[in-house]
């Protein structure tokens, strides 16, 4: 049985960092889209945590 769901290609550490940066900026600039300030702060903190993790992984990755 083939579900025909495409699989995602694993991102390189640099691609993951670029995506995490973009996601963080989108959340940070989109405060008006959240139901409350608390909800926005939680989303921004989660995005920041993902950005820091991606940055750490990118720095540890071997240079190409």
N, C-alpha and C. Protein backbone atom coordinates (compact mmCIF):
# COMPACT_ATOMS: atom_id res chain seq x y z
N UNK A 1 0.84 -1.17 0.00
CA UNK A 1 0.00 0.00 0.00
C UNK A 1 0.89 1.24 0.00
N UNK A 2 0.65 2.13 -0.93
CA UNK A 2 1.43 3.35 -1.07
C UNK A 2 0.57 4.54 -0.69
N UNK A 3 0.95 5.25 0.34
CA UNK A 3 0.16 6.39 0.79
C UNK A 3 0.43 7.64 -0.05
N UNK A 4 1.49 7.58 -0.86
CA UNK A 4 1.88 8.68 -1.73
C UNK A 4 2.10 9.99 -0.98
N UNK A 5 2.53 9.89 0.26
CA UNK A 5 2.89 11.08 1.04
C UNK A 5 4.37 11.31 0.82
N UNK A 6 4.73 12.47 0.31
CA UNK A 6 6.15 12.70 0.06
C UNK A 6 6.93 12.75 1.38
N UNK A 7 8.12 12.22 1.34
CA UNK A 7 8.98 12.29 2.52
C UNK A 7 9.79 13.57 2.44
N UNK A 8 10.10 14.10 3.58
CA UNK A 8 10.89 15.34 3.61
C UNK A 8 12.36 15.02 3.57
N UNK A 9 13.06 15.79 2.79
CA UNK A 9 14.52 15.68 2.72
C UNK A 9 15.08 16.31 3.99
N UNK A 10 16.05 15.65 4.57
CA UNK A 10 16.68 16.17 5.78
C UNK A 10 17.44 17.43 5.44
N UNK A 11 17.22 18.47 6.20
CA UNK A 11 17.90 19.75 5.96
C UNK A 11 19.33 19.70 6.48
N UNK A 12 20.21 20.40 5.78
CA UNK A 12 21.57 20.56 6.29
C UNK A 12 21.49 21.50 7.49
N UNK A 13 22.52 21.50 8.34
CA UNK A 13 22.51 22.41 9.49
C UNK A 13 22.35 23.88 9.07
N UNK A 14 22.96 24.27 7.97
CA UNK A 14 22.82 25.66 7.51
C UNK A 14 21.41 25.96 7.03
N UNK A 15 20.79 25.00 6.36
CA UNK A 15 19.40 25.18 5.92
C UNK A 15 18.46 25.25 7.12
N UNK A 16 18.72 24.41 8.13
CA UNK A 16 17.90 24.42 9.34
C UNK A 16 18.04 25.77 10.07
N UNK A 17 19.25 26.31 10.10
CA UNK A 17 19.48 27.61 10.73
C UNK A 17 18.73 28.70 9.97
N UNK A 18 18.79 28.66 8.66
CA UNK A 18 18.09 29.65 7.85
C UNK A 18 16.58 29.59 8.10
N UNK A 19 16.04 28.39 8.17
CA UNK A 19 14.61 28.21 8.41
C UNK A 19 14.23 28.67 9.81
N UNK A 20 15.04 28.33 10.80
CA UNK A 20 14.74 28.72 12.18
C UNK A 20 14.80 30.24 12.33
N UNK A 21 15.73 30.88 11.65
CA UNK A 21 15.83 32.34 11.68
C UNK A 21 14.58 32.96 11.07
N UNK A 22 14.18 32.44 9.93
CA UNK A 22 12.98 32.94 9.26
C UNK A 22 11.75 32.75 10.13
N UNK A 23 11.62 31.58 10.73
CA UNK A 23 10.47 31.30 11.60
C UNK A 23 10.44 32.24 12.80
N UNK A 24 11.60 32.46 13.42
CA UNK A 24 11.65 33.36 14.57
C UNK A 24 11.22 34.77 14.18
N UNK A 25 11.74 35.26 13.08
CA UNK A 25 11.38 36.62 12.65
C UNK A 25 9.90 36.72 12.34
N UNK A 26 9.34 35.69 11.74
CA UNK A 26 7.91 35.69 11.42
C UNK A 26 7.08 35.76 12.70
N UNK A 27 7.44 34.98 13.71
CA UNK A 27 6.71 35.00 14.98
C UNK A 27 6.90 36.35 15.67
N UNK A 28 8.13 36.82 15.71
CA UNK A 28 8.43 38.06 16.40
C UNK A 28 7.66 39.24 15.81
N UNK A 29 7.59 39.29 14.50
CA UNK A 29 6.91 40.40 13.82
C UNK A 29 5.39 40.22 13.79
N UNK A 30 4.91 39.05 14.11
CA UNK A 30 3.48 38.76 13.98
C UNK A 30 2.72 38.79 15.29
N UNK A 31 3.14 39.62 16.23
CA UNK A 31 2.48 39.67 17.54
C UNK A 31 0.99 39.92 17.41
N UNK A 32 0.60 40.69 16.44
CA UNK A 32 -0.81 41.04 16.25
C UNK A 32 -1.67 39.84 15.84
N UNK A 33 -1.05 38.74 15.46
CA UNK A 33 -1.78 37.56 15.02
C UNK A 33 -2.17 36.62 16.17
N UNK A 34 -1.66 36.89 17.35
CA UNK A 34 -1.91 36.01 18.50
C UNK A 34 -3.06 36.54 19.34
N UNK A 35 -3.74 35.62 20.00
CA UNK A 35 -4.92 35.97 20.80
C UNK A 35 -4.56 36.79 22.03
N UNK A 36 -3.35 36.59 22.54
CA UNK A 36 -2.94 37.34 23.73
C UNK A 36 -1.43 37.55 23.69
N UNK A 37 -0.97 38.48 24.51
CA UNK A 37 0.45 38.74 24.63
C UNK A 37 1.18 37.51 25.19
N UNK A 38 0.55 36.83 26.14
CA UNK A 38 1.16 35.61 26.71
C UNK A 38 1.35 34.54 25.64
N UNK A 39 0.35 34.35 24.80
CA UNK A 39 0.45 33.36 23.73
C UNK A 39 1.58 33.72 22.77
N UNK A 40 1.68 34.99 22.44
CA UNK A 40 2.76 35.43 21.55
C UNK A 40 4.12 35.22 22.21
N UNK A 41 4.25 35.54 23.49
CA UNK A 41 5.52 35.35 24.18
C UNK A 41 5.94 33.89 24.21
N UNK A 42 4.98 32.99 24.43
CA UNK A 42 5.30 31.55 24.42
C UNK A 42 5.78 31.11 23.04
N UNK A 43 5.09 31.57 22.00
CA UNK A 43 5.47 31.20 20.63
C UNK A 43 6.85 31.77 20.28
N UNK A 44 7.10 33.00 20.70
CA UNK A 44 8.38 33.62 20.42
C UNK A 44 9.51 32.90 21.15
N UNK A 45 9.27 32.50 22.40
CA UNK A 45 10.29 31.77 23.15
C UNK A 45 10.58 30.42 22.50
N UNK A 46 9.54 29.72 22.07
CA UNK A 46 9.74 28.43 21.40
C UNK A 46 10.53 28.60 20.11
N UNK A 47 10.21 29.65 19.35
CA UNK A 47 10.94 29.91 18.10
C UNK A 47 12.39 30.27 18.40
N UNK A 48 12.63 31.04 19.46
CA UNK A 48 13.99 31.41 19.85
C UNK A 48 14.78 30.17 20.26
N UNK A 49 14.15 29.27 21.00
CA UNK A 49 14.83 28.04 21.42
C UNK A 49 15.22 27.20 20.20
N UNK A 50 14.32 27.10 19.21
CA UNK A 50 14.64 26.36 17.98
C UNK A 50 15.80 27.04 17.24
N UNK A 51 15.81 28.37 17.23
CA UNK A 51 16.88 29.11 16.57
C UNK A 51 18.22 28.85 17.24
N UNK A 52 18.25 28.88 18.57
CA UNK A 52 19.50 28.61 19.28
C UNK A 52 20.00 27.19 19.02
N UNK A 53 19.09 26.22 19.01
CA UNK A 53 19.47 24.84 18.73
C UNK A 53 20.04 24.71 17.33
N UNK A 54 19.38 25.33 16.36
CA UNK A 54 19.86 25.28 14.97
C UNK A 54 21.22 25.95 14.84
N UNK A 55 21.42 27.06 15.55
CA UNK A 55 22.70 27.76 15.51
C UNK A 55 23.81 26.88 16.08
N UNK A 56 23.52 26.24 17.20
CA UNK A 56 24.51 25.35 17.80
C UNK A 56 24.87 24.20 16.86
N UNK A 57 23.87 23.61 16.22
CA UNK A 57 24.13 22.49 15.31
C UNK A 57 24.90 22.96 14.09
N UNK A 58 24.61 24.15 13.60
CA UNK A 58 25.32 24.68 12.44
C UNK A 58 26.79 24.94 12.77
N UNK A 59 27.04 25.45 13.97
CA UNK A 59 28.42 25.74 14.39
C UNK A 59 29.22 24.46 14.58
N UNK A 60 28.56 23.37 15.00
CA UNK A 60 29.26 22.09 15.22
C UNK A 60 29.45 21.29 13.96
N UNK A 61 28.70 21.63 12.91
CA UNK A 61 28.77 20.86 11.65
C UNK A 61 30.13 21.07 10.99
N UNK A 62 30.65 20.03 10.36
CA UNK A 62 31.92 20.19 9.65
C UNK A 62 31.75 21.17 8.49
N UNK A 63 32.78 21.97 8.26
CA UNK A 63 32.75 22.94 7.17
C UNK A 63 32.79 22.21 5.83
N UNK A 64 32.08 22.77 4.87
CA UNK A 64 32.08 22.17 3.53
C UNK A 64 33.00 22.90 2.62
